[in-house]
Amino acid sequence: MRILAIHAANISYKVNRKTKFAEEIAAKEDALEDCLVLLSSVEKLDEVNPGLVARTAKENVVQWLAKLKATRVMIFPFAHLTSTLSSPAVALTVLKSLETGLKEAGVQVKRAPFGWYKEYDIKSKGHPLAERSMVICPYEGQACDFHCPYCENPIELRDIKDIDAGCSPAAAPERI
């Protein structure tokens, strides 16, 4: 999972058009002030352990909120942070689990709808900690074939063989 976190004075959005993966929605627009916006992409490897990905993302976000002394979050599905998207079903599950986990941690959370084209405005607070990139990996340190180049967690070849049609298990270590 990849997250671009922006400490924002405000965010607002309005849905325009649904995709074939759109979830049902009650409201076509929403806004939140003084919040951490989480532009979020769920990746193919996250399908290995979506529950762990959501829990780890929640822990990282809660820690970052404490540093910022912030209490509100807008989860914003944003497919453009990766070229290896998970299935829409897994992505929605992870985002909803992240939302639930943050609420259970006492955070005020809103989530922009999944599978919709949206107009949006974000006003960043513009301080040194206002933007942060996070990469959340789906592994917990088990024995494996090689390690994630981002977080050094283990990766099994069986988990990546279907990500890229041109990537065979034998070629995978060289490509990663």
N, C-alpha and C. Protein backbone atom coordinates (compact mmCIF):
# COMPACT_ATOMS: atom_id res chain seq x y z
N MET A 1 0.86 -1.17 0.00
CA MET A 1 0.00 0.00 0.00
C MET A 1 0.90 1.23 0.00
N ARG A 2 0.49 2.21 -0.76
CA ARG A 2 1.21 3.47 -0.80
C ARG A 2 0.25 4.58 -0.38
N ILE A 3 0.76 5.45 0.47
CA ILE A 3 -0.05 6.57 0.96
C ILE A 3 0.77 7.85 0.83
N LEU A 4 0.16 8.86 0.28
CA LEU A 4 0.72 10.20 0.34
C LEU A 4 -0.15 10.94 1.35
N ALA A 5 0.43 11.27 2.50
CA ALA A 5 -0.30 11.93 3.58
C ALA A 5 -0.03 13.43 3.52
N ILE A 6 -1.09 14.21 3.51
CA ILE A 6 -0.98 15.67 3.43
C ILE A 6 -1.73 16.27 4.62
N HIS A 7 -1.00 17.04 5.45
CA HIS A 7 -1.65 17.74 6.55
C HIS A 7 -2.33 18.96 5.93
N ALA A 8 -3.65 18.94 5.95
CA ALA A 8 -4.41 19.93 5.19
C ALA A 8 -5.23 20.85 6.09
N ALA A 9 -5.30 22.10 5.67
CA ALA A 9 -6.22 23.03 6.31
C ALA A 9 -7.65 22.60 5.98
N ASN A 10 -7.83 22.10 4.74
CA ASN A 10 -9.14 21.56 4.35
C ASN A 10 -9.03 20.74 3.09
N ILE A 11 -9.99 19.87 2.91
CA ILE A 11 -10.18 19.10 1.68
C ILE A 11 -11.67 19.08 1.40
N SER A 12 -12.01 19.18 0.14
CA SER A 12 -13.40 19.01 -0.28
C SER A 12 -13.40 18.23 -1.58
N TYR A 13 -14.46 17.47 -1.80
CA TYR A 13 -14.59 16.74 -3.05
C TYR A 13 -16.05 16.67 -3.47
N LYS A 14 -16.23 16.41 -4.75
CA LYS A 14 -17.56 16.21 -5.32
C LYS A 14 -17.42 15.11 -6.37
N VAL A 15 -18.24 14.06 -6.27
CA VAL A 15 -18.15 12.98 -7.24
C VAL A 15 -18.79 13.43 -8.56
N ASN A 16 -18.19 12.99 -9.66
CA ASN A 16 -18.69 13.34 -10.99
C ASN A 16 -19.34 12.16 -11.69
N ARG A 17 -18.59 11.06 -11.73
CA ARG A 17 -19.04 9.93 -12.53
C ARG A 17 -18.51 8.66 -11.91
N LYS A 18 -19.29 7.60 -11.96
CA LYS A 18 -18.85 6.34 -11.38
C LYS A 18 -18.12 5.49 -12.41
N THR A 19 -17.22 4.65 -11.91
CA THR A 19 -16.57 3.65 -12.74
C THR A 19 -17.33 2.34 -12.56
N LYS A 20 -16.91 1.31 -13.23
CA LYS A 20 -17.59 0.02 -13.07
C LYS A 20 -17.32 -0.60 -11.70
N PHE A 21 -16.40 -0.03 -10.93
CA PHE A 21 -16.07 -0.54 -9.60
C PHE A 21 -16.65 0.32 -8.48
N ALA A 22 -17.50 1.28 -8.82
CA ALA A 22 -17.98 2.25 -7.85
C ALA A 22 -18.84 1.62 -6.76
N GLU A 23 -18.58 2.06 -5.53
CA GLU A 23 -19.43 1.64 -4.42
C GLU A 23 -20.64 2.56 -4.37
N GLU A 24 -21.71 2.08 -3.75
CA GLU A 24 -22.90 2.91 -3.57
C GLU A 24 -22.58 4.03 -2.58
N ILE A 25 -23.14 5.21 -2.83
CA ILE A 25 -22.87 6.34 -1.95
C ILE A 25 -24.17 7.02 -1.53
N ALA A 26 -24.12 7.68 -0.38
CA ALA A 26 -25.27 8.43 0.11
C ALA A 26 -25.14 9.91 -0.26
N ALA A 27 -23.91 10.43 -0.19
CA ALA A 27 -23.67 11.85 -0.47
C ALA A 27 -22.72 12.00 -1.64
N LYS A 28 -22.97 13.00 -2.48
CA LYS A 28 -22.12 13.22 -3.65
C LYS A 28 -20.96 14.16 -3.38
N GLU A 29 -20.95 14.79 -2.22
CA GLU A 29 -19.83 15.66 -1.88
C GLU A 29 -19.63 15.69 -0.37
N ASP A 30 -18.42 16.07 0.02
CA ASP A 30 -18.10 16.14 1.44
C ASP A 30 -16.86 17.01 1.60
N ALA A 31 -16.56 17.35 2.84
CA ALA A 31 -15.40 18.18 3.15
C ALA A 31 -14.96 17.90 4.58
N LEU A 32 -13.71 18.27 4.87
CA LEU A 32 -13.18 18.13 6.22
C LEU A 32 -12.11 19.20 6.40
N GLU A 33 -12.07 19.80 7.58
CA GLU A 33 -11.08 20.83 7.89
C GLU A 33 -10.06 20.31 8.89
N ASP A 34 -8.88 20.92 8.87
CA ASP A 34 -7.79 20.59 9.79
C ASP A 34 -7.63 19.08 9.93
N CYS A 35 -7.14 18.45 8.88
CA CYS A 35 -7.10 16.99 8.84
C CYS A 35 -5.85 16.48 8.13
N LEU A 36 -5.65 15.19 8.22
CA LEU A 36 -4.62 14.50 7.46
C LEU A 36 -5.31 13.79 6.31
N VAL A 37 -4.98 14.19 5.09
CA VAL A 37 -5.55 13.56 3.89
C VAL A 37 -4.65 12.39 3.52
N LEU A 38 -5.24 11.22 3.35
CA LEU A 38 -4.48 10.02 2.98
C LEU A 38 -4.82 9.63 1.54
N LEU A 39 -4.03 10.11 0.57
CA LEU A 39 -4.18 9.65 -0.80
C LEU A 39 -3.64 8.23 -0.82
N SER A 40 -4.50 7.25 -1.11
CA SER A 40 -4.17 5.85 -0.83
C SER A 40 -4.34 4.94 -2.03
N SER A 41 -3.30 4.15 -2.32
CA SER A 41 -3.33 3.12 -3.36
C SER A 41 -3.04 1.77 -2.73
N VAL A 42 -3.91 0.81 -2.97
CA VAL A 42 -3.69 -0.56 -2.49
C VAL A 42 -3.07 -1.33 -3.65
N GLU A 43 -1.98 -2.06 -3.35
CA GLU A 43 -1.20 -2.72 -4.39
C GLU A 43 -1.45 -4.22 -4.46
N LYS A 44 -1.06 -4.81 -5.58
CA LYS A 44 -1.26 -6.24 -5.82
C LYS A 44 -0.66 -7.09 -4.70
N LEU A 45 0.56 -6.77 -4.24
CA LEU A 45 1.18 -7.56 -3.17
C LEU A 45 0.40 -7.49 -1.87
N ASP A 46 -0.40 -6.44 -1.69
CA ASP A 46 -1.20 -6.31 -0.46
C ASP A 46 -2.26 -7.41 -0.36
N GLU A 47 -2.56 -8.05 -1.48
CA GLU A 47 -3.53 -9.15 -1.48
C GLU A 47 -3.01 -10.35 -0.69
N VAL A 48 -1.69 -10.40 -0.45
CA VAL A 48 -1.08 -11.48 0.34
C VAL A 48 -1.63 -11.45 1.77
N ASN A 49 -1.79 -10.25 2.34
CA ASN A 49 -2.25 -10.13 3.72
C ASN A 49 -2.93 -8.77 3.92
N PRO A 50 -4.15 -8.60 3.38
CA PRO A 50 -4.81 -7.30 3.47
C PRO A 50 -5.08 -6.83 4.89
N GLY A 51 -5.35 -7.76 5.80
CA GLY A 51 -5.59 -7.38 7.19
C GLY A 51 -4.37 -6.76 7.83
N LEU A 52 -3.21 -7.35 7.59
CA LEU A 52 -1.96 -6.81 8.13
C LEU A 52 -1.67 -5.44 7.53
N VAL A 53 -1.93 -5.29 6.24
CA VAL A 53 -1.69 -4.01 5.58
C VAL A 53 -2.55 -2.92 6.23
N ALA A 54 -3.83 -3.20 6.44
CA ALA A 54 -4.72 -2.20 7.05
C ALA A 54 -4.28 -1.87 8.48
N ARG A 55 -3.91 -2.89 9.25
CA ARG A 55 -3.46 -2.65 10.64
C ARG A 55 -2.17 -1.84 10.68
N THR A 56 -1.22 -2.19 9.82
CA THR A 56 0.06 -1.48 9.79
C THR A 56 -0.14 -0.03 9.34
N ALA A 57 -0.99 0.17 8.33
CA ALA A 57 -1.29 1.53 7.88
C ALA A 57 -1.92 2.33 9.02
N LYS A 58 -2.86 1.72 9.74
CA LYS A 58 -3.50 2.40 10.87
C LYS A 58 -2.46 2.82 11.91
N GLU A 59 -1.56 1.90 12.26
CA GLU A 59 -0.53 2.21 13.26
C GLU A 59 0.36 3.36 12.80
N ASN A 60 0.77 3.35 11.53
CA ASN A 60 1.60 4.42 10.99
C ASN A 60 0.86 5.76 11.00
N VAL A 61 -0.40 5.74 10.61
CA VAL A 61 -1.19 6.97 10.56
C VAL A 61 -1.40 7.53 11.97
N VAL A 62 -1.72 6.67 12.93
CA VAL A 62 -1.93 7.12 14.31
C VAL A 62 -0.65 7.77 14.85
N GLN A 63 0.51 7.16 14.57
CA GLN A 63 1.78 7.75 15.01
C GLN A 63 2.01 9.12 14.37
N TRP A 64 1.69 9.22 13.08
CA TRP A 64 1.89 10.48 12.38
C TRP A 64 0.93 11.55 12.90
N LEU A 65 -0.32 11.16 13.17
CA LEU A 65 -1.29 12.10 13.74
C LEU A 65 -0.79 12.67 15.06
N ALA A 66 -0.18 11.82 15.89
CA ALA A 66 0.34 12.27 17.19
C ALA A 66 1.44 13.32 16.98
N LYS A 67 2.32 13.10 16.00
CA LYS A 67 3.37 14.08 15.73
C LYS A 67 2.79 15.41 15.26
N LEU A 68 1.72 15.32 14.48
CA LEU A 68 1.10 16.53 13.94
C LEU A 68 0.13 17.18 14.93
N LYS A 69 -0.19 16.45 16.00
CA LYS A 69 -1.23 16.89 16.95
C LYS A 69 -2.55 17.11 16.21
N ALA A 70 -2.87 16.17 15.33
CA ALA A 70 -4.11 16.21 14.53
C ALA A 70 -5.02 15.06 14.96
N THR A 71 -6.31 15.22 14.71
CA THR A 71 -7.27 14.19 15.15
C THR A 71 -8.26 13.77 14.06
N ARG A 72 -8.13 14.36 12.87
CA ARG A 72 -9.07 14.03 11.80
C ARG A 72 -8.34 13.50 10.57
N VAL A 73 -9.01 12.57 9.87
CA VAL A 73 -8.43 11.96 8.67
C VAL A 73 -9.49 11.87 7.58
N MET A 74 -9.06 12.16 6.35
CA MET A 74 -9.87 11.88 5.16
C MET A 74 -9.11 10.83 4.36
N ILE A 75 -9.68 9.64 4.25
CA ILE A 75 -9.10 8.58 3.42
C ILE A 75 -9.60 8.83 2.00
N PHE A 76 -8.68 8.98 1.07
CA PHE A 76 -9.02 9.34 -0.30
C PHE A 76 -8.43 8.30 -1.25
N PRO A 77 -9.25 7.40 -1.80
CA PRO A 77 -8.72 6.41 -2.76
C PRO A 77 -8.05 7.14 -3.93
N PHE A 78 -6.83 6.71 -4.25
CA PHE A 78 -6.04 7.42 -5.25
C PHE A 78 -5.17 6.40 -5.98
N ALA A 79 -5.64 5.88 -7.09
CA ALA A 79 -4.99 4.78 -7.80
C ALA A 79 -3.64 5.17 -8.41
N HIS A 80 -3.33 6.44 -8.47
CA HIS A 80 -2.19 6.91 -9.25
C HIS A 80 -0.84 6.87 -8.53
N LEU A 81 -0.76 6.22 -7.38
CA LEU A 81 0.52 6.12 -6.66
C LEU A 81 1.27 4.84 -6.98
N THR A 82 0.67 3.94 -7.74
CA THR A 82 1.32 2.67 -8.07
C THR A 82 0.91 2.22 -9.47
N SER A 83 1.74 1.38 -10.06
CA SER A 83 1.39 0.77 -11.35
C SER A 83 0.92 -0.67 -11.17
N THR A 84 0.86 -1.14 -9.93
CA THR A 84 0.45 -2.52 -9.65
C THR A 84 -0.72 -2.51 -8.67
N LEU A 85 -1.87 -2.09 -9.14
CA LEU A 85 -3.06 -2.01 -8.29
C LEU A 85 -3.56 -3.39 -7.89
N SER A 86 -4.11 -3.46 -6.69
CA SER A 86 -4.79 -4.69 -6.26
C SER A 86 -6.13 -4.77 -6.98
N SER A 87 -6.83 -5.86 -6.76
CA SER A 87 -8.20 -5.95 -7.28
C SER A 87 -9.04 -4.89 -6.57
N PRO A 88 -10.08 -4.40 -7.22
CA PRO A 88 -10.95 -3.41 -6.56
C PRO A 88 -11.55 -3.94 -5.26
N ALA A 89 -11.91 -5.20 -5.21
CA ALA A 89 -12.51 -5.77 -3.99
C ALA A 89 -11.54 -5.71 -2.82
N VAL A 90 -10.28 -6.07 -3.06
CA VAL A 90 -9.28 -6.02 -1.98
C VAL A 90 -9.00 -4.57 -1.59
N ALA A 91 -8.90 -3.69 -2.58
CA ALA A 91 -8.64 -2.28 -2.27
C ALA A 91 -9.73 -1.71 -1.37
N LEU A 92 -10.97 -1.97 -1.70
CA LEU A 92 -12.07 -1.44 -0.89
C LEU A 92 -12.06 -2.05 0.50
N THR A 93 -11.75 -3.34 0.60
CA THR A 93 -11.66 -4.00 1.91
C THR A 93 -10.58 -3.35 2.77
N VAL A 94 -9.40 -3.12 2.20
CA VAL A 94 -8.30 -2.51 2.95
C VAL A 94 -8.66 -1.09 3.39
N LEU A 95 -9.24 -0.31 2.49
CA LEU A 95 -9.59 1.07 2.83
C LEU A 95 -10.67 1.13 3.91
N LYS A 96 -11.66 0.25 3.82
CA LYS A 96 -12.70 0.20 4.85
C LYS A 96 -12.13 -0.28 6.18
N SER A 97 -11.21 -1.24 6.14
CA SER A 97 -10.57 -1.73 7.37
C SER A 97 -9.72 -0.64 8.01
N LEU A 98 -9.02 0.13 7.19
CA LEU A 98 -8.25 1.27 7.70
C LEU A 98 -9.18 2.27 8.36
N GLU A 99 -10.29 2.56 7.72
CA GLU A 99 -11.28 3.49 8.28
C GLU A 99 -11.77 2.99 9.65
N THR A 100 -12.15 1.73 9.73
CA THR A 100 -12.63 1.14 10.98
C THR A 100 -11.56 1.19 12.06
N GLY A 101 -10.34 0.80 11.70
CA GLY A 101 -9.24 0.79 12.67
C GLY A 101 -8.95 2.18 13.22
N LEU A 102 -8.97 3.18 12.36
CA LEU A 102 -8.73 4.55 12.82
C LEU A 102 -9.85 5.03 13.74
N LYS A 103 -11.09 4.70 13.40
CA LYS A 103 -12.22 5.08 14.26
C LYS A 103 -12.08 4.42 15.63
N GLU A 104 -11.69 3.14 15.64
CA GLU A 104 -11.51 2.43 16.91
C GLU A 104 -10.37 3.04 17.74
N ALA A 105 -9.43 3.70 17.07
CA ALA A 105 -8.32 4.37 17.76
C ALA A 105 -8.69 5.78 18.20
N GLY A 106 -9.94 6.17 17.99
CA GLY A 106 -10.41 7.48 18.45
C GLY A 106 -10.22 8.61 17.46
N VAL A 107 -9.93 8.28 16.21
CA VAL A 107 -9.72 9.30 15.18
C VAL A 107 -11.06 9.59 14.50
N GLN A 108 -11.32 10.87 14.23
CA GLN A 108 -12.49 11.23 13.42
C GLN A 108 -12.13 10.97 11.96
N VAL A 109 -12.88 10.10 11.29
CA VAL A 109 -12.51 9.66 9.94
C VAL A 109 -13.67 9.86 8.97
N LYS A 110 -13.31 10.33 7.79
CA LYS A 110 -14.21 10.31 6.64
C LYS A 110 -13.46 9.59 5.53
N ARG A 111 -14.22 8.97 4.63
CA ARG A 111 -13.61 8.26 3.51
C ARG A 111 -14.32 8.67 2.23
N ALA A 112 -13.55 9.18 1.27
CA ALA A 112 -14.12 9.51 -0.03
C ALA A 112 -14.52 8.21 -0.72
N PRO A 113 -15.55 8.24 -1.55
CA PRO A 113 -16.04 7.01 -2.15
C PRO A 113 -15.06 6.38 -3.14
N PHE A 114 -15.03 5.06 -3.12
CA PHE A 114 -14.16 4.27 -3.98
C PHE A 114 -14.83 4.08 -5.34
N GLY A 115 -14.04 4.21 -6.40
CA GLY A 115 -14.54 3.90 -7.74
C GLY A 115 -15.29 5.03 -8.41
N TRP A 116 -15.07 6.24 -7.97
CA TRP A 116 -15.72 7.41 -8.55
C TRP A 116 -14.67 8.40 -9.03
N TYR A 117 -14.96 9.08 -10.16
CA TYR A 117 -14.15 10.22 -10.57
C TYR A 117 -14.61 11.39 -9.71
N LYS A 118 -13.65 12.16 -9.19
CA LYS A 118 -13.99 13.22 -8.25
C LYS A 118 -13.25 14.51 -8.59
N GLU A 119 -13.95 15.63 -8.41
CA GLU A 119 -13.29 16.94 -8.34
C GLU A 119 -12.86 17.08 -6.89
N TYR A 120 -11.69 17.66 -6.66
CA TYR A 120 -11.30 17.86 -5.27
C TYR A 120 -10.36 19.06 -5.13
N ASP A 121 -10.39 19.63 -3.95
CA ASP A 121 -9.48 20.71 -3.58
C ASP A 121 -8.85 20.33 -2.25
N ILE A 122 -7.53 20.46 -2.18
CA ILE A 122 -6.79 20.24 -0.94
C ILE A 122 -5.95 21.49 -0.70
N LYS A 123 -6.04 22.02 0.50
CA LYS A 123 -5.16 23.13 0.87
C LYS A 123 -4.21 22.62 1.94
N SER A 124 -2.96 22.41 1.55
CA SER A 124 -1.93 21.92 2.46
C SER A 124 -1.57 23.01 3.46
N LYS A 125 -1.20 22.58 4.67
CA LYS A 125 -0.78 23.54 5.70
C LYS A 125 0.62 24.08 5.42
N GLY A 126 1.41 23.40 4.60
CA GLY A 126 2.67 23.94 4.13
C GLY A 126 3.81 24.03 5.13
N HIS A 127 3.75 23.27 6.20
CA HIS A 127 4.86 23.27 7.16
C HIS A 127 5.81 22.10 6.84
N PRO A 128 6.96 21.99 7.50
CA PRO A 128 7.94 20.96 7.14
C PRO A 128 7.44 19.51 7.23
N LEU A 129 6.44 19.24 8.05
CA LEU A 129 5.90 17.88 8.17
C LEU A 129 4.56 17.72 7.45
N ALA A 130 4.21 18.66 6.59
CA ALA A 130 2.88 18.65 5.97
C ALA A 130 2.68 17.53 4.95
N GLU A 131 3.75 17.03 4.36
CA GLU A 131 3.62 15.94 3.40
C GLU A 131 4.51 14.78 3.83
N ARG A 132 3.98 13.58 3.66
CA ARG A 132 4.76 12.39 3.99
C ARG A 132 4.31 11.24 3.10
N SER A 133 5.28 10.51 2.58
CA SER A 133 5.00 9.32 1.79
C SER A 133 5.16 8.09 2.68
N MET A 134 4.23 7.15 2.57
CA MET A 134 4.31 5.91 3.35
C MET A 134 4.18 4.73 2.40
N VAL A 135 4.99 3.71 2.62
CA VAL A 135 4.87 2.44 1.91
C VAL A 135 4.61 1.38 2.96
N ILE A 136 3.47 0.72 2.85
CA ILE A 136 3.07 -0.31 3.81
C ILE A 136 3.23 -1.67 3.13
N CYS A 137 4.00 -2.57 3.73
CA CYS A 137 4.26 -3.88 3.13
C CYS A 137 3.47 -4.99 3.84
N PRO A 138 3.10 -6.04 3.11
CA PRO A 138 2.24 -7.09 3.66
C PRO A 138 2.96 -8.25 4.34
N TYR A 139 4.19 -8.05 4.81
CA TYR A 139 4.95 -9.15 5.40
C TYR A 139 5.38 -8.83 6.82
N GLU A 140 5.58 -9.89 7.62
CA GLU A 140 5.97 -9.71 9.03
C GLU A 140 7.30 -10.38 9.37
N GLY A 141 8.22 -10.53 8.44
CA GLY A 141 9.54 -11.05 8.76
C GLY A 141 9.68 -12.55 8.72
N GLN A 142 8.93 -13.23 7.88
CA GLN A 142 9.06 -14.68 7.74
C GLN A 142 10.18 -15.03 6.76
N ALA A 143 10.56 -16.31 6.70
CA ALA A 143 11.57 -16.76 5.73
C ALA A 143 11.03 -16.55 4.33
N CYS A 144 11.90 -16.14 3.41
CA CYS A 144 11.40 -15.82 2.07
C CYS A 144 12.51 -15.95 1.03
N ASP A 145 12.13 -15.65 -0.23
CA ASP A 145 13.06 -15.75 -1.34
C ASP A 145 13.97 -14.53 -1.49
N PHE A 146 13.46 -13.34 -1.25
CA PHE A 146 14.25 -12.11 -1.24
C PHE A 146 13.46 -11.04 -0.50
N HIS A 147 13.98 -9.80 -0.46
CA HIS A 147 13.37 -8.77 0.38
C HIS A 147 12.85 -7.58 -0.42
N CYS A 148 11.83 -6.95 0.13
CA CYS A 148 11.22 -5.77 -0.45
C CYS A 148 12.26 -4.65 -0.53
N PRO A 149 12.39 -4.00 -1.69
CA PRO A 149 13.37 -2.92 -1.81
C PRO A 149 12.99 -1.67 -1.02
N TYR A 150 11.76 -1.58 -0.58
CA TYR A 150 11.30 -0.39 0.16
C TYR A 150 11.48 -0.54 1.66
N CYS A 151 11.10 -1.70 2.19
CA CYS A 151 11.08 -1.84 3.65
C CYS A 151 11.94 -2.99 4.15
N GLU A 152 12.56 -3.73 3.24
CA GLU A 152 13.42 -4.86 3.60
C GLU A 152 12.65 -6.05 4.18
N ASN A 153 11.33 -6.03 4.10
CA ASN A 153 10.56 -7.20 4.53
C ASN A 153 10.66 -8.29 3.48
N PRO A 154 10.45 -9.55 3.87
CA PRO A 154 10.60 -10.66 2.94
C PRO A 154 9.49 -10.72 1.89
N ILE A 155 9.85 -11.25 0.73
CA ILE A 155 8.89 -11.46 -0.36
C ILE A 155 9.07 -12.88 -0.88
N GLU A 156 7.98 -13.57 -1.05
CA GLU A 156 7.98 -14.90 -1.65
C GLU A 156 7.74 -14.77 -3.15
N LEU A 157 8.47 -15.49 -3.96
CA LEU A 157 8.29 -15.44 -5.41
C LEU A 157 6.86 -15.79 -5.80
N ARG A 158 6.23 -16.71 -5.11
CA ARG A 158 4.86 -17.11 -5.47
C ARG A 158 3.89 -15.93 -5.36
N ASP A 159 4.23 -14.93 -4.55
CA ASP A 159 3.34 -13.79 -4.37
C ASP A 159 3.48 -12.76 -5.48
N ILE A 160 4.57 -12.76 -6.22
CA ILE A 160 4.77 -11.74 -7.24
C ILE A 160 4.69 -12.28 -8.66
N LYS A 161 4.60 -13.57 -8.85
CA LYS A 161 4.70 -14.13 -10.19
C LYS A 161 3.62 -13.66 -11.14
N ASP A 162 2.45 -13.27 -10.63
CA ASP A 162 1.36 -12.86 -11.51
C ASP A 162 1.20 -11.34 -11.62
N ILE A 163 2.06 -10.58 -10.98
CA ILE A 163 1.91 -9.13 -10.99
C ILE A 163 2.13 -8.56 -12.38
N ASP A 164 3.21 -8.95 -13.04
CA ASP A 164 3.55 -8.43 -14.34
C ASP A 164 3.56 -9.59 -15.32
N ALA A 165 2.77 -9.51 -16.37
CA ALA A 165 2.66 -10.62 -17.31
C ALA A 165 4.02 -11.01 -17.89
N GLY A 166 4.96 -10.07 -17.97
CA GLY A 166 6.28 -10.37 -18.50
C GLY A 166 7.27 -10.80 -17.45
N CYS A 167 6.82 -11.05 -16.25
CA CYS A 167 7.72 -11.36 -15.14
C CYS A 167 7.58 -12.83 -14.76
N SER A 168 8.59 -13.61 -15.02
CA SER A 168 8.56 -15.01 -14.60
C SER A 168 9.22 -15.12 -13.23
N PRO A 169 8.92 -16.16 -12.46
CA PRO A 169 9.57 -16.32 -11.16
C PRO A 169 11.09 -16.29 -11.26
N ALA A 170 11.65 -16.83 -12.33
CA ALA A 170 13.11 -16.85 -12.48
C ALA A 170 13.66 -15.44 -12.68
N ALA A 171 12.89 -14.58 -13.35
CA ALA A 171 13.36 -13.22 -13.62
C ALA A 171 13.03 -12.25 -12.50
N ALA A 172 12.14 -12.62 -11.62
CA ALA A 172 11.64 -11.69 -10.59
C ALA A 172 12.74 -11.06 -9.75
N PRO A 173 13.72 -11.80 -9.23
CA PRO A 173 14.73 -11.15 -8.39
C PRO A 173 15.48 -10.03 -9.10
N GLU A 174 15.76 -10.20 -10.39
CA GLU A 174 16.47 -9.17 -11.13
C GLU A 174 15.59 -7.93 -11.32
N ARG A 175 14.30 -8.12 -11.45
CA ARG A 175 13.41 -7.00 -11.72
C ARG A 175 13.11 -6.23 -10.45
N ILE A 176 13.19 -6.89 -9.32
CA ILE A 176 12.90 -6.20 -8.06
C ILE A 176 14.20 -5.87 -7.41
